[in-house]
N, C-alpha and C. Protein backbone atom coordinates (compact mmCIF):
# COMPACT_ATOMS: atom_id res chain seq x y z
N MET A 1 101.08 72.14 91.83
CA MET A 1 99.87 72.02 91.34
C MET A 1 99.83 71.73 89.94
N ASP A 2 100.86 71.75 89.09
CA ASP A 2 100.71 72.00 88.00
C ASP A 2 100.42 70.18 87.54
N GLU A 3 100.33 69.15 88.59
CA GLU A 3 100.07 68.04 88.07
C GLU A 3 98.71 67.71 87.89
N TYR A 4 97.62 68.60 88.20
CA TYR A 4 96.40 68.28 87.64
C TYR A 4 96.17 69.07 86.44
N ASN A 5 94.93 68.66 85.66
CA ASN A 5 94.83 69.18 84.50
C ASN A 5 93.29 69.51 84.43
N PHE A 6 93.18 70.86 84.22
CA PHE A 6 91.90 71.73 84.57
C PHE A 6 91.78 72.56 83.11
N PRO A 7 90.98 71.71 82.28
CA PRO A 7 90.88 72.39 80.53
C PRO A 7 90.17 73.86 81.04
N GLU A 8 90.56 74.66 80.26
CA GLU A 8 89.89 76.13 79.97
C GLU A 8 88.23 75.95 79.55
N ASP A 9 88.00 74.97 78.69
CA ASP A 9 86.74 75.06 78.20
C ASP A 9 85.49 74.60 79.25
N CYS A 10 85.90 74.22 80.75
CA CYS A 10 85.08 73.82 81.37
C CYS A 10 85.00 75.10 82.49
N GLN A 11 83.48 75.11 83.35
CA GLN A 11 83.60 75.56 84.34
C GLN A 11 83.57 74.60 85.59
N TYR A 12 83.72 74.96 86.72
CA TYR A 12 84.18 74.15 87.91
C TYR A 12 83.16 74.55 89.41
N THR A 13 82.95 73.57 90.03
CA THR A 13 82.18 73.44 91.21
C THR A 13 83.42 73.38 92.37
N GLU A 14 83.08 73.83 93.69
CA GLU A 14 83.36 73.92 94.90
C GLU A 14 83.68 72.40 95.11
N GLU A 15 82.48 71.85 94.96
CA GLU A 15 82.63 70.20 94.99
C GLU A 15 83.15 69.28 94.25
N ASP A 16 83.92 69.95 93.22
CA ASP A 16 84.90 69.20 92.23
C ASP A 16 84.09 68.23 90.98
N GLU A 17 83.20 68.97 90.35
CA GLU A 17 82.50 68.76 89.32
C GLU A 17 82.67 69.67 88.26
N TRP A 18 82.70 69.26 87.03
CA TRP A 18 83.24 70.32 86.08
C TRP A 18 81.77 69.73 84.77
N VAL A 19 81.82 71.05 84.49
CA VAL A 19 80.74 71.70 83.25
C VAL A 19 81.18 71.95 82.38
N ARG A 20 80.94 71.49 81.11
CA ARG A 20 81.27 71.94 79.72
C ARG A 20 79.83 72.41 78.98
N ASP A 21 79.73 73.29 78.58
CA ASP A 21 78.80 74.12 78.12
C ASP A 21 78.47 73.67 76.33
N GLU A 22 77.82 72.94 75.97
CA GLU A 22 77.47 72.44 74.59
C GLU A 22 76.36 72.99 74.17
N GLY A 23 76.05 74.35 74.14
CA GLY A 23 75.10 74.81 73.69
C GLY A 23 73.87 74.89 74.83
N ARG A 24 72.85 74.35 74.27
CA ARG A 24 71.73 74.10 75.05
C ARG A 24 71.78 73.06 75.81
N ARG A 25 72.79 72.26 76.07
CA ARG A 25 73.22 71.21 77.29
C ARG A 25 74.45 71.71 77.67
N VAL A 26 74.69 70.95 79.08
CA VAL A 26 76.18 70.94 79.36
C VAL A 26 76.39 69.29 79.69
N ARG A 27 77.76 69.19 79.78
CA ARG A 27 78.18 67.75 79.74
C ARG A 27 78.85 67.93 81.48
N VAL A 28 78.62 67.07 82.33
CA VAL A 28 79.38 67.07 83.56
C VAL A 28 80.15 65.99 84.13
N GLY A 29 81.08 66.15 84.70
CA GLY A 29 81.77 64.81 85.16
C GLY A 29 82.65 65.28 86.33
N ILE A 30 83.50 64.77 86.94
CA ILE A 30 84.32 64.89 88.17
C ILE A 30 85.73 65.66 87.35
N THR A 31 86.38 66.21 88.17
CA THR A 31 87.85 66.90 87.91
C THR A 31 88.84 65.72 88.02
N ASP A 32 89.86 66.45 87.40
CA ASP A 32 91.11 65.60 87.49
C ASP A 32 91.45 65.54 89.12
N TYR A 33 91.57 66.53 89.59
CA TYR A 33 92.03 66.55 90.98
C TYR A 33 91.07 65.60 91.55
N ALA A 34 89.74 65.77 91.51
CA ALA A 34 88.74 64.71 92.13
C ALA A 34 89.20 63.09 91.83
N GLN A 35 89.15 62.77 90.89
CA GLN A 35 89.64 61.42 90.79
C GLN A 35 90.90 61.43 91.21
N CYS A 36 91.51 62.08 91.23
CA CYS A 36 93.10 61.84 91.79
C CYS A 36 92.99 61.31 93.19
N GLN A 37 92.21 62.15 94.00
CA GLN A 37 92.11 61.92 95.34
C GLN A 37 91.08 60.84 95.65
N LEU A 38 90.03 60.44 94.93
CA LEU A 38 89.74 59.08 94.69
C LEU A 38 90.38 57.72 94.96
N GLY A 39 91.01 57.81 93.64
CA GLY A 39 91.96 56.93 93.47
C GLY A 39 91.29 56.01 92.63
N ASP A 40 91.42 54.62 92.45
CA ASP A 40 90.76 53.78 91.51
C ASP A 40 89.15 53.97 91.42
N VAL A 41 88.51 54.22 90.84
CA VAL A 41 87.16 54.40 90.93
C VAL A 41 86.61 52.76 90.53
N VAL A 42 85.79 52.06 91.14
CA VAL A 42 85.30 51.11 91.06
C VAL A 42 83.67 50.68 90.88
N PHE A 43 82.98 52.00 91.16
CA PHE A 43 81.37 51.75 90.93
C PHE A 43 80.89 53.46 90.96
N VAL A 44 80.04 53.59 89.76
CA VAL A 44 79.24 54.92 89.83
C VAL A 44 77.71 54.73 89.74
N GLU A 45 77.00 55.18 91.09
CA GLU A 45 75.74 55.12 90.73
C GLU A 45 75.34 56.30 90.00
N LEU A 46 74.71 55.71 89.18
CA LEU A 46 73.86 56.89 88.11
C LEU A 46 72.83 57.26 88.09
N PRO A 47 71.81 58.21 88.06
CA PRO A 47 70.73 59.05 88.20
C PRO A 47 70.12 58.44 86.71
N GLU A 48 68.95 58.38 86.84
CA GLU A 48 67.71 58.03 85.94
C GLU A 48 67.81 59.28 84.55
N VAL A 49 67.74 59.09 83.29
CA VAL A 49 67.50 60.14 82.52
C VAL A 49 66.07 60.58 82.71
N GLY A 50 65.84 62.14 82.82
CA GLY A 50 64.64 62.46 83.07
C GLY A 50 64.62 63.19 84.43
N THR A 51 65.39 62.73 85.35
CA THR A 51 65.39 63.29 86.53
C THR A 51 65.65 64.69 86.79
N THR A 52 65.02 65.24 87.50
CA THR A 52 64.93 66.66 87.31
C THR A 52 66.23 66.98 88.91
N LEU A 53 67.31 67.72 88.30
CA LEU A 53 68.20 68.10 89.34
C LEU A 53 67.98 69.38 90.24
N SER A 54 68.26 69.58 91.58
CA SER A 54 68.26 71.04 91.94
C SER A 54 69.80 71.23 92.05
N ARG A 55 70.29 72.71 92.28
CA ARG A 55 71.72 72.83 92.06
C ARG A 55 72.19 72.53 93.55
N GLY A 56 73.34 71.86 93.67
CA GLY A 56 73.84 71.86 95.06
C GLY A 56 73.38 70.34 95.58
N ALA A 57 72.12 69.46 95.23
CA ALA A 57 72.01 68.43 95.59
C ALA A 57 72.71 67.34 95.20
N SER A 58 72.53 66.22 95.98
CA SER A 58 73.47 65.04 95.50
C SER A 58 72.62 64.25 94.15
N PHE A 59 73.12 63.84 93.19
CA PHE A 59 72.19 63.30 92.11
C PHE A 59 72.85 61.73 92.18
N GLY A 60 73.80 61.20 92.73
CA GLY A 60 74.35 59.72 93.14
C GLY A 60 75.69 59.86 93.62
N THR A 61 76.33 58.72 93.77
CA THR A 61 77.45 58.32 94.50
C THR A 61 78.46 57.68 93.28
N ILE A 62 79.86 57.87 93.60
CA ILE A 62 80.96 57.30 93.43
C ILE A 62 81.96 56.80 94.41
N GLU A 63 81.92 55.60 93.98
CA GLU A 63 82.79 54.70 94.95
C GLU A 63 84.16 54.21 94.30
N SER A 64 85.38 54.63 95.13
CA SER A 64 86.75 54.31 94.97
C SER A 64 87.26 52.98 95.64
N VAL A 65 88.45 52.69 95.54
CA VAL A 65 88.99 51.81 96.56
C VAL A 65 89.00 52.42 98.19
N LYS A 66 89.05 53.77 98.01
CA LYS A 66 89.60 54.65 98.96
C LYS A 66 88.24 55.08 99.78
N ALA A 67 87.29 55.32 99.11
CA ALA A 67 86.00 56.11 99.49
C ALA A 67 84.67 56.00 98.72
N VAL A 68 83.82 56.16 99.42
CA VAL A 68 82.63 56.67 98.71
C VAL A 68 81.97 58.41 98.63
N SER A 69 81.85 58.53 97.52
CA SER A 69 81.53 60.10 97.46
C SER A 69 80.44 60.55 96.74
N ASP A 70 79.58 61.51 97.33
CA ASP A 70 78.35 62.19 97.15
C ASP A 70 79.10 62.69 95.64
N LEU A 71 77.86 62.93 94.41
CA LEU A 71 77.75 63.75 93.51
C LEU A 71 77.05 64.67 93.63
N PHE A 72 77.38 66.06 93.38
CA PHE A 72 76.27 66.97 93.52
C PHE A 72 76.35 67.82 91.92
N ALA A 73 74.93 67.97 91.82
CA ALA A 73 74.47 68.73 90.73
C ALA A 73 75.17 70.36 90.68
N PRO A 74 75.67 70.42 89.53
CA PRO A 74 76.70 71.97 89.57
C PRO A 74 75.43 73.13 89.27
N LEU A 75 74.45 72.51 88.40
CA LEU A 75 73.39 73.69 88.61
C LEU A 75 71.81 72.87 88.10
N ALA A 76 71.03 73.45 88.00
CA ALA A 76 69.45 73.03 88.09
C ALA A 76 68.91 72.61 86.50
N GLY A 77 68.54 71.84 86.37
CA GLY A 77 68.13 71.46 85.23
C GLY A 77 67.64 69.80 85.28
N VAL A 78 67.19 69.44 83.62
CA VAL A 78 67.01 68.10 83.76
C VAL A 78 67.84 67.00 82.88
N ILE A 79 68.12 65.80 83.62
CA ILE A 79 69.26 64.93 83.10
C ILE A 79 68.60 64.37 81.57
N VAL A 80 69.48 64.47 80.58
CA VAL A 80 69.04 64.33 79.16
C VAL A 80 69.82 63.14 79.13
N GLU A 81 70.73 62.86 79.73
CA GLU A 81 71.96 61.46 79.19
C GLU A 81 72.55 61.16 80.22
N VAL A 82 73.23 60.20 80.42
CA VAL A 82 73.97 59.17 81.47
C VAL A 82 74.83 58.56 80.74
N ASN A 83 75.94 58.63 81.03
CA ASN A 83 77.16 57.59 80.57
C ASN A 83 77.06 56.21 81.02
N GLU A 84 76.36 55.50 80.44
CA GLU A 84 76.00 54.24 80.52
C GLU A 84 77.43 53.23 80.43
N LYS A 85 78.55 53.48 79.84
CA LYS A 85 79.47 52.94 79.91
C LYS A 85 80.37 53.19 80.99
N LEU A 86 80.00 53.81 82.26
CA LEU A 86 80.61 53.74 83.44
C LEU A 86 80.05 52.65 83.99
N VAL A 87 78.87 52.10 83.87
CA VAL A 87 78.21 50.73 84.54
C VAL A 87 79.28 49.76 84.50
N GLU A 88 79.85 49.40 83.09
CA GLU A 88 80.75 48.28 82.98
C GLU A 88 82.23 48.58 83.13
N ALA A 89 82.47 49.88 82.96
CA ALA A 89 83.57 50.53 83.23
C ALA A 89 84.17 51.94 83.87
N PRO A 90 83.63 51.92 84.91
CA PRO A 90 83.88 53.13 85.89
C PRO A 90 85.26 53.44 85.78
N GLU A 91 86.38 52.96 85.53
CA GLU A 91 87.76 53.09 85.35
C GLU A 91 88.00 54.40 84.30
N LYS A 92 87.04 54.20 83.53
CA LYS A 92 87.03 55.38 82.58
C LYS A 92 87.29 57.04 82.93
N ILE A 93 86.46 57.15 84.28
CA ILE A 93 86.60 58.08 85.12
C ILE A 93 88.05 58.53 85.37
N ASN A 94 88.93 57.37 85.95
CA ASN A 94 90.27 57.74 86.01
C ASN A 94 91.10 58.00 84.71
N GLU A 95 90.93 57.28 83.76
CA GLU A 95 91.46 57.23 82.61
C GLU A 95 91.33 58.55 81.81
N SER A 96 90.08 59.06 81.85
CA SER A 96 89.71 60.15 80.79
C SER A 96 88.54 60.78 80.94
N CYS A 97 88.84 61.59 82.44
CA CYS A 97 87.63 62.40 83.17
C CYS A 97 87.15 63.28 82.53
N TYR A 98 87.84 64.10 81.93
CA TYR A 98 87.38 65.26 80.72
C TYR A 98 86.57 64.57 79.66
N GLY A 99 87.01 63.28 79.00
CA GLY A 99 86.59 62.90 78.19
C GLY A 99 85.24 61.58 77.85
N GLU A 100 85.87 60.41 78.10
CA GLU A 100 85.16 59.30 77.95
C GLU A 100 84.41 58.80 79.37
N GLY A 101 84.98 59.49 80.32
CA GLY A 101 84.75 59.46 81.69
C GLY A 101 83.47 60.38 82.29
N TRP A 102 83.09 61.06 81.30
CA TRP A 102 82.02 62.08 81.55
C TRP A 102 80.58 61.22 82.21
N ILE A 103 80.27 62.01 83.03
CA ILE A 103 78.98 61.37 83.98
C ILE A 103 77.50 61.41 83.28
N LEU A 104 77.31 63.01 82.99
CA LEU A 104 75.81 62.97 82.55
C LEU A 104 75.63 64.32 81.64
N VAL A 105 74.56 64.35 80.76
CA VAL A 105 74.31 65.66 80.41
C VAL A 105 73.23 66.37 80.85
N VAL A 106 73.29 67.53 81.10
CA VAL A 106 72.00 68.18 81.59
C VAL A 106 71.57 69.22 80.59
N GLU A 107 69.80 69.49 80.66
CA GLU A 107 69.49 70.67 80.06
C GLU A 107 69.56 71.62 80.99
N PRO A 108 70.01 72.38 81.25
CA PRO A 108 69.89 73.50 82.80
C PRO A 108 68.77 74.26 82.22
N GLU A 109 68.06 74.67 83.68
CA GLU A 109 66.72 75.19 83.74
C GLU A 109 67.36 76.94 83.28
N ASP A 110 68.51 77.12 83.47
CA ASP A 110 68.74 78.58 83.45
C ASP A 110 70.33 78.43 82.73
N PRO A 111 70.47 78.40 81.36
CA PRO A 111 71.58 78.24 81.00
C PRO A 111 72.73 79.22 81.25
N SER A 112 72.50 80.39 81.88
CA SER A 112 73.22 81.36 82.03
C SER A 112 73.62 80.96 83.74
N ASP A 113 73.32 80.20 84.16
CA ASP A 113 73.97 79.57 85.71
C ASP A 113 75.49 79.13 85.50
N VAL A 114 75.81 78.66 84.08
CA VAL A 114 76.91 78.04 83.92
C VAL A 114 78.19 79.35 84.27
N THR A 115 77.84 80.71 83.98
CA THR A 115 78.71 81.29 83.71
C THR A 115 78.92 81.95 85.55
N SER A 116 77.89 81.29 86.75
CA SER A 116 78.37 81.70 87.86
C SER A 116 79.22 80.61 88.60
N LEU A 117 79.63 79.47 87.87
CA LEU A 117 80.73 78.50 88.09
C LEU A 117 81.87 78.83 87.99
N MET A 118 82.89 78.36 88.60
CA MET A 118 84.47 78.83 88.54
C MET A 118 85.22 78.34 87.09
N GLY A 119 86.00 79.30 86.81
CA GLY A 119 86.80 78.99 85.60
C GLY A 119 87.93 78.45 86.02
N ALA A 120 88.91 77.81 85.29
CA ALA A 120 89.92 77.02 85.34
C ALA A 120 90.84 77.69 86.35
N ALA A 121 91.41 78.77 86.20
CA ALA A 121 92.24 79.33 87.05
C ALA A 121 91.66 79.43 88.29
N ALA A 122 90.46 80.16 88.86
CA ALA A 122 89.55 80.10 90.21
C ALA A 122 89.75 78.75 90.57
N TYR A 123 89.49 77.55 89.77
CA TYR A 123 89.11 76.22 90.51
C TYR A 123 90.77 75.98 90.89
N ARG A 124 91.79 75.79 90.11
CA ARG A 124 92.92 75.72 90.39
C ARG A 124 93.43 76.74 91.83
N GLU A 125 93.02 77.85 91.96
CA GLU A 125 93.40 78.34 93.28
C GLU A 125 92.69 77.69 94.04
N HIS A 126 91.12 77.40 94.19
CA HIS A 126 90.41 76.91 95.04
C HIS A 126 91.33 75.31 95.60
N VAL A 127 91.33 74.76 94.67
CA VAL A 127 92.45 73.39 94.89
C VAL A 127 93.84 73.77 95.66
N ASP A 128 94.28 74.64 95.30
CA ASP A 128 95.74 74.96 95.70
C ASP A 128 95.50 75.45 97.47
N GLY A 129 94.39 76.02 97.52
CA GLY A 129 94.12 76.48 98.71
C GLY A 129 93.77 75.34 100.05
N ARG A 130 93.28 74.19 98.95
CA ARG A 130 92.97 72.80 100.05
C ARG A 130 94.20 72.50 100.52
N ASP A 131 95.41 72.03 99.58
CA ASP A 131 96.35 71.18 99.55
C ASP A 131 97.36 72.07 100.44
N HIS A 132 96.84 73.04 101.11
CA HIS A 132 98.02 73.68 102.26
C HIS A 132 97.73 73.41 103.55
């Protein structure tokens, strides 16, 4: 399982999204595991800035050469920024899922919700359990 990168500065969901706390806002993307499972990402459906998310609700889709998958909100809040670069270059998710391949920035309804997500070690165990 060492082939996947799960940065310690992120929290993770069972749906394979990562969340990086940036003070009053959080940055969201899909994990290295998710982008590896998807293969080459060819399209990302981005929500509108100002959209209110409900935790666990779908906020868009990600399409690869293998599959189309829903993206799920890791926490409730309002979208304050989307990564417009993904419209022209969705492959950034494969190239740098924790960097230039981020998907959106959310202002959480309750910032303490971030602590309810999995840390890197717990997420690694979660992924390990799926691969066996």
